All heavy atoms as atom14 arrays in JSON, in Angstrom:
{
  "sequence": "HSILLTRLDSTFGIRDLALSFFRSYLQDRTQVVTVNGIKSSPS",
  "atom14_mask": [
    [1, 1, 1, 1, 1, 1, 1, 1, 1, 1, 0, 0, 0, 0],
    [1, 1, 1, 1, 1, 1, 0, 0, 0, 0, 0, 0, 0, 0],
    [1, 1, 1, 1, 1, 1, 1, 1, 0, 0, 0, 0, 0, 0],
    [1, 1, 1, 1, 1, 1, 1, 1, 0, 0, 0, 0, 0, 0],
    [1, 1, 1, 1, 1, 1, 1, 1, 0, 0, 0, 0, 0, 0],
    [1, 1, 1, 1, 1, 1, 1, 0, 0, 0, 0, 0, 0, 0],
    [1, 1, 1, 1, 1, 1, 1, 1, 1, 1, 1, 0, 0, 0],
    [1, 1, 1, 1, 1, 1, 1, 1, 0, 0, 0, 0, 0, 0],
    [1, 1, 1, 1, 1, 1, 1, 1, 0, 0, 0, 0, 0, 0],
    [1, 1, 1, 1, 1, 1, 0, 0, 0, 0, 0, 0, 0, 0],
    [1, 1, 1, 1, 1, 1, 1, 0, 0, 0, 0, 0, 0, 0],
    [1, 1, 1, 1, 1, 1, 1, 1, 1, 1, 1, 0, 0, 0],
    [1, 1, 1, 1, 0, 0, 0, 0, 0, 0, 0, 0, 0, 0],
    [1, 1, 1, 1, 1, 1, 1, 1, 0, 0, 0, 0, 0, 0],
    [1, 1, 1, 1, 1, 1, 1, 1, 1, 1, 1, 0, 0, 0],
    [1, 1, 1, 1, 1, 1, 1, 1, 0, 0, 0, 0, 0, 0],
    [1, 1, 1, 1, 1, 1, 1, 1, 0, 0, 0, 0, 0, 0],
    [1, 1, 1, 1, 1, 0, 0, 0, 0, 0, 0, 0, 0, 0],
    [1, 1, 1, 1, 1, 1, 1, 1, 0, 0, 0, 0, 0, 0],
    [1, 1, 1, 1, 1, 1, 0, 0, 0, 0, 0, 0, 0, 0],
    [1, 1, 1, 1, 1, 1, 1, 1, 1, 1, 1, 0, 0, 0],
    [1, 1, 1, 1, 1, 1, 1, 1, 1, 1, 1, 0, 0, 0],
    [1, 1, 1, 1, 1, 1, 1, 1, 1, 1, 1, 0, 0, 0],
    [1, 1, 1, 1, 1, 1, 0, 0, 0, 0, 0, 0, 0, 0],
    [1, 1, 1, 1, 1, 1, 1, 1, 1, 1, 1, 1, 0, 0],
    [1, 1, 1, 1, 1, 1, 1, 1, 0, 0, 0, 0, 0, 0],
    [1, 1, 1, 1, 1, 1, 1, 1, 1, 0, 0, 0, 0, 0],
    [1, 1, 1, 1, 1, 1, 1, 1, 0, 0, 0, 0, 0, 0],
    [1, 1, 1, 1, 1, 1, 1, 1, 1, 1, 1, 0, 0, 0],
    [1, 1, 1, 1, 1, 1, 1, 0, 0, 0, 0, 0, 0, 0],
    [1, 1, 1, 1, 1, 1, 1, 1, 1, 0, 0, 0, 0, 0],
    [1, 1, 1, 1, 1, 1, 1, 0, 0, 0, 0, 0, 0, 0],
    [1, 1, 1, 1, 1, 1, 1, 0, 0, 0, 0, 0, 0, 0],
    [1, 1, 1, 1, 1, 1, 1, 0, 0, 0, 0, 0, 0, 0],
    [1, 1, 1, 1, 1, 1, 1, 0, 0, 0, 0, 0, 0, 0],
    [1, 1, 1, 1, 1, 1, 1, 1, 0, 0, 0, 0, 0, 0],
    [1, 1, 1, 1, 0, 0, 0, 0, 0, 0, 0, 0, 0, 0],
    [1, 1, 1, 1, 1, 1, 1, 1, 0, 0, 0, 0, 0, 0],
    [1, 1, 1, 1, 1, 1, 1, 1, 1, 0, 0, 0, 0, 0],
    [1, 1, 1, 1, 1, 1, 0, 0, 0, 0, 0, 0, 0, 0],
    [1, 1, 1, 1, 1, 1, 0, 0, 0, 0, 0, 0, 0, 0],
    [1, 1, 1, 1, 1, 1, 1, 0, 0, 0, 0, 0, 0, 0],
    [1, 1, 1, 1, 1, 1, 0, 0, 0, 0, 0, 0, 0, 0]
  ],
  "atom14_positions": [
    [[109.77, 92.02, 104.26], [109.53, 91.22, 103.05], [110.76, 90.56, 102.5], [110.69, 89.41, 102.05], [108.91, 92.18, 101.97], [107.53, 92.63, 102.33], [106.9, 93.65, 101.69], [106.64, 92.21, 103.27], [105.69, 93.84, 102.17], [105.53, 93.02, 103.17], [0.0, 0.0, 0.0], [0.0, 0.0, 0.0], [0.0, 0.0, 0.0], [0.0, 0.0, 0.0]],
    [[111.89, 91.26, 102.52], [113.12, 90.64, 101.99], [113.57, 89.43, 102.8], [113.99, 88.42, 102.24], [114.21, 91.71, 101.94], [114.53, 92.16, 103.22], [0.0, 0.0, 0.0], [0.0, 0.0, 0.0], [0.0, 0.0, 0.0], [0.0, 0.0, 0.0], [0.0, 0.0, 0.0], [0.0, 0.0, 0.0], [0.0, 0.0, 0.0], [0.0, 0.0, 0.0]],
    [[113.44, 89.56, 104.11], [113.77, 88.41, 104.93], [112.8, 87.21, 104.69], [113.24, 86.07, 104.59], [113.74, 88.78, 106.43], [114.86, 89.81, 106.73], [113.94, 87.54, 107.32], [114.8, 90.32, 108.17], [0.0, 0.0, 0.0], [0.0, 0.0, 0.0], [0.0, 0.0, 0.0], [0.0, 0.0, 0.0], [0.0, 0.0, 0.0], [0.0, 0.0, 0.0]],
    [[111.54, 87.54, 104.6], [110.56, 86.47, 104.34], [110.8, 85.78, 103.0], [110.78, 84.54, 102.97], [109.12, 87.1, 104.33], [107.99, 86.18, 103.88], [107.89, 84.94, 104.78], [106.69, 86.95, 103.88], [0.0, 0.0, 0.0], [0.0, 0.0, 0.0], [0.0, 0.0, 0.0], [0.0, 0.0, 0.0], [0.0, 0.0, 0.0], [0.0, 0.0, 0.0]],
    [[111.09, 86.53, 101.95], [111.28, 85.94, 100.62], [112.58, 85.04, 100.63], [112.55, 83.98, 100.03], [111.36, 87.02, 99.56], [110.05, 87.75, 99.27], [110.28, 88.97, 98.43], [109.02, 86.78, 98.64], [0.0, 0.0, 0.0], [0.0, 0.0, 0.0], [0.0, 0.0, 0.0], [0.0, 0.0, 0.0], [0.0, 0.0, 0.0], [0.0, 0.0, 0.0]],
    [[113.61, 85.53, 101.29], [114.85, 84.78, 101.43], [114.59, 83.48, 102.17], [115.09, 82.39, 101.77], [115.9, 85.61, 102.14], [116.2, 86.77, 101.36], [117.19, 84.77, 102.27], [0.0, 0.0, 0.0], [0.0, 0.0, 0.0], [0.0, 0.0, 0.0], [0.0, 0.0, 0.0], [0.0, 0.0, 0.0], [0.0, 0.0, 0.0], [0.0, 0.0, 0.0]],
    [[113.79, 83.54, 103.2], [113.51, 82.38, 104.03], [112.62, 81.36, 103.26], [112.76, 80.16, 103.34], [112.79, 82.82, 105.34], [112.65, 81.7, 106.35], [112.49, 82.31, 107.75], [113.73, 82.94, 108.16], [113.78, 83.91, 109.11], [112.7, 84.33, 109.69], [114.92, 84.43, 109.42], [0.0, 0.0, 0.0], [0.0, 0.0, 0.0], [0.0, 0.0, 0.0]],
    [[111.65, 81.88, 102.49], [110.8, 81.01, 101.69], [111.65, 80.2, 100.69], [111.4, 78.99, 100.47], [109.8, 81.79, 100.9], [108.66, 82.49, 101.75], [107.74, 83.28, 100.82], [107.87, 81.46, 102.51], [0.0, 0.0, 0.0], [0.0, 0.0, 0.0], [0.0, 0.0, 0.0], [0.0, 0.0, 0.0], [0.0, 0.0, 0.0], [0.0, 0.0, 0.0]],
    [[112.71, 80.83, 100.17], [113.59, 80.15, 99.23], [114.54, 79.15, 99.92], [114.53, 77.98, 99.61], [114.4, 81.2, 98.46], [115.37, 80.61, 97.45], [115.49, 79.38, 97.36], [115.99, 81.37, 96.72], [0.0, 0.0, 0.0], [0.0, 0.0, 0.0], [0.0, 0.0, 0.0], [0.0, 0.0, 0.0], [0.0, 0.0, 0.0], [0.0, 0.0, 0.0]],
    [[115.31, 79.68, 100.87], [116.37, 78.87, 101.45], [115.91, 77.8, 102.44], [116.44, 76.71, 102.49], [117.4, 79.8, 102.18], [116.74, 80.51, 103.26], [0.0, 0.0, 0.0], [0.0, 0.0, 0.0], [0.0, 0.0, 0.0], [0.0, 0.0, 0.0], [0.0, 0.0, 0.0], [0.0, 0.0, 0.0], [0.0, 0.0, 0.0], [0.0, 0.0, 0.0]],
    [[114.86, 78.09, 103.21], [114.39, 77.18, 104.24], [113.23, 76.31, 103.75], [113.13, 75.14, 104.17], [113.96, 77.96, 105.49], [115.02, 78.81, 105.9], [113.56, 77.01, 106.63], [0.0, 0.0, 0.0], [0.0, 0.0, 0.0], [0.0, 0.0, 0.0], [0.0, 0.0, 0.0], [0.0, 0.0, 0.0], [0.0, 0.0, 0.0], [0.0, 0.0, 0.0]],
    [[112.4, 76.83, 102.89], [111.15, 76.11, 102.52], [111.13, 75.66, 101.04], [110.09, 75.11, 100.58], [109.93, 76.9, 102.91], [109.82, 77.2, 104.39], [110.23, 78.42, 104.86], [109.38, 76.2, 105.24], [110.17, 78.68, 106.22], [109.34, 76.46, 106.62], [109.72, 77.7, 107.11], [0.0, 0.0, 0.0], [0.0, 0.0, 0.0], [0.0, 0.0, 0.0]],
    [[112.18, 76.01, 100.29], [112.22, 75.51, 98.9], [111.22, 76.09, 97.96], [110.78, 75.39, 97.0], [0.0, 0.0, 0.0], [0.0, 0.0, 0.0], [0.0, 0.0, 0.0], [0.0, 0.0, 0.0], [0.0, 0.0, 0.0], [0.0, 0.0, 0.0], [0.0, 0.0, 0.0], [0.0, 0.0, 0.0], [0.0, 0.0, 0.0], [0.0, 0.0, 0.0]],
    [[110.78, 77.31, 98.18], [109.81, 77.97, 97.32], [110.55, 78.87, 96.35], [111.2, 79.84, 96.76], [108.78, 78.77, 98.11], [108.03, 77.85, 99.05], [107.79, 79.55, 97.2], [107.13, 78.59, 100.04], [0.0, 0.0, 0.0], [0.0, 0.0, 0.0], [0.0, 0.0, 0.0], [0.0, 0.0, 0.0], [0.0, 0.0, 0.0], [0.0, 0.0, 0.0]],
    [[110.58, 78.5, 95.07], [111.49, 79.13, 94.12], [110.81, 79.43, 92.79], [109.65, 79.12, 92.56], [112.73, 78.24, 93.88], [113.56, 78.03, 95.14], [114.49, 76.88, 95.08], [115.14, 76.73, 96.4], [115.82, 75.63, 96.76], [115.96, 74.62, 95.91], [116.38, 75.57, 97.96], [0.0, 0.0, 0.0], [0.0, 0.0, 0.0], [0.0, 0.0, 0.0]],
    [[111.55, 80.14, 91.93], [111.13, 80.43, 90.56], [109.76, 81.15, 90.55], [109.6, 82.15, 91.22], [111.14, 79.17, 89.71], [112.53, 78.52, 89.66], [113.53, 79.24, 89.87], [112.6, 77.28, 89.44], [0.0, 0.0, 0.0], [0.0, 0.0, 0.0], [0.0, 0.0, 0.0], [0.0, 0.0, 0.0], [0.0, 0.0, 0.0], [0.0, 0.0, 0.0]],
    [[108.84, 80.62, 89.75], [107.54, 81.27, 89.57], [106.76, 81.32, 90.89], [106.03, 82.27, 91.17], [106.71, 80.57, 88.5], [106.89, 81.07, 87.08], [106.05, 80.25, 86.14], [106.56, 82.53, 86.94], [0.0, 0.0, 0.0], [0.0, 0.0, 0.0], [0.0, 0.0, 0.0], [0.0, 0.0, 0.0], [0.0, 0.0, 0.0], [0.0, 0.0, 0.0]],
    [[106.92, 80.3, 91.7], [106.16, 80.24, 92.98], [106.69, 81.4, 93.86], [105.93, 82.12, 94.53], [106.37, 78.95, 93.67], [0.0, 0.0, 0.0], [0.0, 0.0, 0.0], [0.0, 0.0, 0.0], [0.0, 0.0, 0.0], [0.0, 0.0, 0.0], [0.0, 0.0, 0.0], [0.0, 0.0, 0.0], [0.0, 0.0, 0.0], [0.0, 0.0, 0.0]],
    [[107.99, 81.62, 93.93], [108.57, 82.67, 94.73], [108.21, 84.01, 94.1], [107.94, 84.99, 94.84], [110.08, 82.55, 94.79], [110.77, 83.52, 95.73], [110.36, 83.32, 97.22], [112.35, 83.38, 95.63], [0.0, 0.0, 0.0], [0.0, 0.0, 0.0], [0.0, 0.0, 0.0], [0.0, 0.0, 0.0], [0.0, 0.0, 0.0], [0.0, 0.0, 0.0]],
    [[108.16, 84.13, 92.78], [107.74, 85.36, 92.12], [106.34, 85.75, 92.5], [105.98, 86.94, 92.66], [107.89, 85.21, 90.63], [109.23, 85.01, 90.22], [0.0, 0.0, 0.0], [0.0, 0.0, 0.0], [0.0, 0.0, 0.0], [0.0, 0.0, 0.0], [0.0, 0.0, 0.0], [0.0, 0.0, 0.0], [0.0, 0.0, 0.0], [0.0, 0.0, 0.0]],
    [[105.48, 84.71, 92.63], [104.09, 84.97, 93.02], [104.04, 85.62, 94.39], [103.34, 86.61, 94.59], [103.28, 83.7, 93.01], [101.9, 83.82, 93.54], [100.85, 84.15, 92.67], [101.58, 83.7, 94.87], [99.53, 84.33, 93.13], [100.3, 83.89, 95.35], [99.27, 84.17, 94.46], [0.0, 0.0, 0.0], [0.0, 0.0, 0.0], [0.0, 0.0, 0.0]],
    [[104.77, 85.08, 95.36], [104.74, 85.65, 96.68], [105.39, 87.03, 96.73], [104.95, 87.88, 97.47], [105.44, 84.69, 97.68], [104.65, 83.48, 98.03], [105.04, 82.22, 97.59], [103.49, 83.57, 98.74], [104.29, 81.1, 97.86], [102.74, 82.43, 99.06], [103.12, 81.24, 98.58], [0.0, 0.0, 0.0], [0.0, 0.0, 0.0], [0.0, 0.0, 0.0]],
    [[106.4, 87.23, 95.92], [106.99, 88.57, 95.83], [106.01, 89.56, 95.31], [105.82, 90.68, 95.84], [108.26, 88.53, 94.94], [108.96, 89.88, 94.86], [110.2, 89.83, 93.97], [111.25, 89.0, 94.57], [111.57, 87.79, 94.15], [110.95, 87.24, 93.1], [112.54, 87.16, 94.78], [0.0, 0.0, 0.0], [0.0, 0.0, 0.0], [0.0, 0.0, 0.0]],
    [[105.27, 89.18, 94.27], [104.24, 90.04, 93.68], [103.12, 90.26, 94.69], [102.58, 91.35, 94.76], [103.7, 89.39, 92.4], [102.63, 90.15, 91.86], [0.0, 0.0, 0.0], [0.0, 0.0, 0.0], [0.0, 0.0, 0.0], [0.0, 0.0, 0.0], [0.0, 0.0, 0.0], [0.0, 0.0, 0.0], [0.0, 0.0, 0.0], [0.0, 0.0, 0.0]],
    [[102.76, 89.21, 95.43], [101.72, 89.3, 96.42], [102.04, 90.35, 97.5], [101.17, 91.1, 97.95], [101.46, 87.95, 97.02], [100.5, 87.96, 98.18], [99.12, 87.99, 97.99], [100.96, 87.91, 99.51], [98.24, 87.97, 99.03], [100.07, 87.94, 100.58], [98.71, 87.97, 100.35], [97.85, 87.96, 101.41], [0.0, 0.0, 0.0], [0.0, 0.0, 0.0]],
    [[103.3, 90.43, 97.91], [103.72, 91.25, 98.99], [103.97, 92.7, 98.57], [103.69, 93.69, 99.31], [104.97, 90.71, 99.65], [104.9, 89.38, 100.36], [106.23, 88.81, 100.69], [104.05, 89.5, 101.62], [0.0, 0.0, 0.0], [0.0, 0.0, 0.0], [0.0, 0.0, 0.0], [0.0, 0.0, 0.0], [0.0, 0.0, 0.0], [0.0, 0.0, 0.0]],
    [[104.41, 92.91, 97.36], [104.84, 94.24, 96.92], [103.68, 95.08, 96.46], [102.69, 94.61, 95.98], [105.86, 94.12, 95.74], [107.19, 93.51, 96.19], [108.14, 93.33, 95.0], [107.7, 93.33, 93.85], [109.43, 93.17, 95.33], [0.0, 0.0, 0.0], [0.0, 0.0, 0.0], [0.0, 0.0, 0.0], [0.0, 0.0, 0.0], [0.0, 0.0, 0.0]],
    [[103.85, 96.39, 96.67], [102.95, 97.4, 96.13], [101.5, 97.26, 96.7], [100.55, 97.62, 95.99], [102.91, 97.44, 94.6], [104.27, 97.63, 93.98], [105.05, 98.44, 94.53], [104.62, 96.98, 92.99], [0.0, 0.0, 0.0], [0.0, 0.0, 0.0], [0.0, 0.0, 0.0], [0.0, 0.0, 0.0], [0.0, 0.0, 0.0], [0.0, 0.0, 0.0]],
    [[101.35, 96.8, 97.89], [100.06, 96.71, 98.53], [99.73, 98.1, 99.13], [100.56, 98.82, 99.68], [100.03, 95.63, 99.6], [100.33, 94.24, 99.12], [99.92, 93.21, 100.15], [98.48, 93.08, 100.15], [97.79, 92.16, 99.44], [98.44, 91.34, 98.68], [96.48, 92.11, 99.55], [0.0, 0.0, 0.0], [0.0, 0.0, 0.0], [0.0, 0.0, 0.0]],
    [[98.41, 98.41, 99.09], [97.99, 99.66, 99.69], [96.81, 99.42, 100.59], [96.12, 98.37, 100.53], [97.55, 100.69, 98.6], [96.49, 100.11, 97.83], [98.73, 101.04, 97.69], [0.0, 0.0, 0.0], [0.0, 0.0, 0.0], [0.0, 0.0, 0.0], [0.0, 0.0, 0.0], [0.0, 0.0, 0.0], [0.0, 0.0, 0.0], [0.0, 0.0, 0.0]],
    [[96.5, 100.36, 101.45], [95.33, 100.24, 102.31], [94.81, 101.62, 102.68], [95.52, 102.62, 102.65], [95.71, 99.51, 103.64], [96.66, 100.29, 104.55], [96.96, 99.54, 105.85], [96.9, 98.32, 105.91], [97.27, 100.28, 106.9], [0.0, 0.0, 0.0], [0.0, 0.0, 0.0], [0.0, 0.0, 0.0], [0.0, 0.0, 0.0], [0.0, 0.0, 0.0]],
    [[93.51, 101.62, 102.97], [92.86, 102.8, 103.49], [92.19, 102.38, 104.79], [91.83, 101.25, 104.99], [91.83, 103.43, 102.55], [92.51, 103.91, 101.26], [90.71, 102.41, 102.23], [0.0, 0.0, 0.0], [0.0, 0.0, 0.0], [0.0, 0.0, 0.0], [0.0, 0.0, 0.0], [0.0, 0.0, 0.0], [0.0, 0.0, 0.0], [0.0, 0.0, 0.0]],
    [[92.05, 103.34, 105.7], [91.41, 103.09, 107.0], [90.08, 103.82, 107.03], [89.96, 105.02, 106.66], [92.32, 103.53, 108.17], [91.6, 103.28, 109.5], [93.64, 102.85, 108.12], [0.0, 0.0, 0.0], [0.0, 0.0, 0.0], [0.0, 0.0, 0.0], [0.0, 0.0, 0.0], [0.0, 0.0, 0.0], [0.0, 0.0, 0.0], [0.0, 0.0, 0.0]],
    [[89.03, 103.11, 107.43], [87.7, 103.73, 107.53], [87.24, 103.66, 108.98], [87.25, 102.61, 109.65], [86.66, 103.03, 106.66], [86.58, 101.64, 107.07], [87.09, 103.07, 105.21], [0.0, 0.0, 0.0], [0.0, 0.0, 0.0], [0.0, 0.0, 0.0], [0.0, 0.0, 0.0], [0.0, 0.0, 0.0], [0.0, 0.0, 0.0], [0.0, 0.0, 0.0]],
    [[86.81, 104.81, 109.51], [86.3, 104.91, 110.86], [85.08, 105.85, 110.85], [85.2, 106.98, 110.39], [87.33, 105.45, 111.84], [86.74, 105.59, 113.25], [88.57, 104.6, 111.9], [0.0, 0.0, 0.0], [0.0, 0.0, 0.0], [0.0, 0.0, 0.0], [0.0, 0.0, 0.0], [0.0, 0.0, 0.0], [0.0, 0.0, 0.0], [0.0, 0.0, 0.0]],
    [[83.93, 105.27, 111.3], [82.69, 106.08, 111.33], [82.34, 106.72, 109.95], [81.94, 107.85, 109.87], [82.8, 107.17, 112.39], [82.95, 106.56, 113.79], [82.43, 105.48, 114.06], [83.61, 107.26, 114.66], [0.0, 0.0, 0.0], [0.0, 0.0, 0.0], [0.0, 0.0, 0.0], [0.0, 0.0, 0.0], [0.0, 0.0, 0.0], [0.0, 0.0, 0.0]],
    [[82.6, 105.95, 108.91], [82.25, 106.44, 107.55], [83.26, 107.34, 106.97], [83.13, 107.8, 105.8], [0.0, 0.0, 0.0], [0.0, 0.0, 0.0], [0.0, 0.0, 0.0], [0.0, 0.0, 0.0], [0.0, 0.0, 0.0], [0.0, 0.0, 0.0], [0.0, 0.0, 0.0], [0.0, 0.0, 0.0], [0.0, 0.0, 0.0], [0.0, 0.0, 0.0]],
    [[84.35, 107.68, 107.7], [85.39, 108.57, 107.16], [86.54, 107.72, 106.65], [87.03, 106.84, 107.41], [85.86, 109.56, 108.22], [84.65, 110.4, 108.7], [86.96, 110.47, 107.67], [85.0, 111.33, 109.82], [0.0, 0.0, 0.0], [0.0, 0.0, 0.0], [0.0, 0.0, 0.0], [0.0, 0.0, 0.0], [0.0, 0.0, 0.0], [0.0, 0.0, 0.0]],
    [[87.01, 108.01, 105.45], [88.07, 107.17, 104.84], [89.35, 107.98, 104.7], [89.36, 109.13, 104.29], [87.6, 106.63, 103.47], [88.57, 105.72, 102.8], [87.92, 105.02, 101.6], [87.53, 105.96, 100.54], [87.03, 105.25, 99.34], [0.0, 0.0, 0.0], [0.0, 0.0, 0.0], [0.0, 0.0, 0.0], [0.0, 0.0, 0.0], [0.0, 0.0, 0.0]],
    [[90.47, 107.33, 105.02], [91.76, 107.97, 104.92], [92.27, 107.9, 103.45], [91.65, 107.23, 102.6], [92.75, 107.3, 105.81], [93.13, 106.0, 105.31], [0.0, 0.0, 0.0], [0.0, 0.0, 0.0], [0.0, 0.0, 0.0], [0.0, 0.0, 0.0], [0.0, 0.0, 0.0], [0.0, 0.0, 0.0], [0.0, 0.0, 0.0], [0.0, 0.0, 0.0]],
    [[93.34, 108.6, 103.17], [93.98, 108.47, 101.84], [94.77, 107.16, 101.81], [95.16, 106.64, 102.84], [94.92, 109.65, 101.62], [95.89, 109.74, 102.65], [0.0, 0.0, 0.0], [0.0, 0.0, 0.0], [0.0, 0.0, 0.0], [0.0, 0.0, 0.0], [0.0, 0.0, 0.0], [0.0, 0.0, 0.0], [0.0, 0.0, 0.0], [0.0, 0.0, 0.0]],
    [[94.98, 106.58, 100.66], [95.7, 105.31, 100.51], [97.13, 105.42, 101.04], [97.8, 106.43, 100.85], [95.69, 105.01, 99.04], [94.55, 105.83, 98.48], [94.51, 107.05, 99.34], [0.0, 0.0, 0.0], [0.0, 0.0, 0.0], [0.0, 0.0, 0.0], [0.0, 0.0, 0.0], [0.0, 0.0, 0.0], [0.0, 0.0, 0.0], [0.0, 0.0, 0.0]],
    [[97.58, 104.36, 101.68], [98.95, 104.27, 102.18], [99.62, 103.03, 101.6], [99.02, 101.99, 101.53], [99.0, 104.22, 103.72], [98.44, 105.36, 104.29], [0.0, 0.0, 0.0], [0.0, 0.0, 0.0], [0.0, 0.0, 0.0], [0.0, 0.0, 0.0], [0.0, 0.0, 0.0], [0.0, 0.0, 0.0], [0.0, 0.0, 0.0], [0.0, 0.0, 0.0]]
  ]
}
């Protein structure tokens, strides 16, 4: 994530609130896996 955000800024000119949006989009994401009706704990 840190490399991606740095690249979005320096190479593609995505900055300020736009860059904050992508930072927020990437951070603190969770997922659970479901197989045959059985669900894992969030990761």
